[in-house]
Amino acid sequence: MIDGRITVPEHGDRDMPVWGRQFLPGDTRKYGQNGGEIVTTERIHGLAGYVQTLQH
């Protein structure tokens, strides 16, 4: 369980990555500007949902 009270060096720092910066450029190239925004948003929601399942 990761509850955030102690730092685990193997997990890196506590800052969450800015996922839009990671996903959007490739999604825009593949799906176009509007499609890239939609796909990126869905990826971020999916990732957040997955992380939420790890906390239970």
Protein backbone atom coordinates (compact mmCIF):
# COMPACT_ATOMS: atom_id res chain seq x y z
CA MET A 1 0.00 0.00 0.00
CA ILE A 2 1.28 3.46 -0.87
CA ASP A 3 -0.19 6.04 1.51
CA GLY A 4 2.33 8.83 0.94
CA ARG A 5 3.70 9.15 4.45
CA ILE A 6 7.15 7.87 3.59
CA THR A 7 9.26 8.46 0.50
CA VAL A 8 10.34 5.35 -1.38
CA PRO A 9 13.40 6.30 -3.47
CA GLU A 10 12.65 3.63 -6.08
CA HIS A 11 9.33 5.36 -6.82
CA GLY A 12 10.93 8.71 -7.65
CA ASP A 13 9.70 12.06 -6.41
CA ARG A 14 6.14 12.82 -5.34
CA ASP A 15 5.27 15.01 -8.30
CA MET A 16 2.82 13.46 -10.74
CA PRO A 17 3.88 13.65 -14.38
CA VAL A 18 1.96 16.03 -16.60
CA TRP A 19 0.46 13.31 -18.76
CA GLY A 20 -1.00 15.63 -21.38
CA ARG A 21 2.54 16.60 -22.34
CA GLN A 22 3.42 12.92 -22.69
CA PHE A 23 0.39 11.81 -24.72
CA LEU A 24 -0.82 14.82 -26.73
CA PRO A 25 1.97 15.20 -29.33
CA GLY A 26 1.70 11.60 -30.53
CA ASP A 27 -2.09 11.57 -30.34
CA THR A 28 -2.28 14.81 -32.35
CA ARG A 29 -0.02 13.37 -35.05
CA LYS A 30 -2.15 10.24 -35.25
CA TYR A 31 -5.68 11.65 -34.80
CA GLY A 32 -5.41 15.35 -35.70
CA GLN A 33 -5.76 18.31 -33.36
CA ASN A 34 -9.34 17.72 -32.16
CA GLY A 35 -9.02 13.94 -32.12
CA GLY A 36 -5.71 14.21 -30.28
CA GLU A 37 -7.32 16.25 -27.51
CA ILE A 38 -10.16 13.74 -27.14
CA VAL A 39 -7.89 10.68 -27.15
CA THR A 40 -5.44 12.31 -24.72
CA THR A 41 -8.26 13.19 -22.32
CA GLU A 42 -9.56 9.62 -22.45
CA ARG A 43 -6.07 8.22 -21.81
CA ILE A 44 -5.65 10.45 -18.76
CA HIS A 45 -9.06 9.43 -17.40
CA GLY A 46 -8.18 5.76 -17.95
CA LEU A 47 -4.84 6.16 -16.21
CA ALA A 48 -6.42 7.99 -13.27
CA GLY A 49 -9.06 5.26 -12.96
CA TYR A 50 -6.37 2.58 -12.93
CA VAL A 51 -4.34 4.39 -10.27
CA GLN A 52 -7.49 4.77 -8.18
CA THR A 53 -7.97 0.98 -8.21
CA LEU A 54 -4.48 0.56 -6.74
CA GLN A 55 -5.41 2.57 -3.67
CA HIS A 56 -8.23 0.26 -2.54
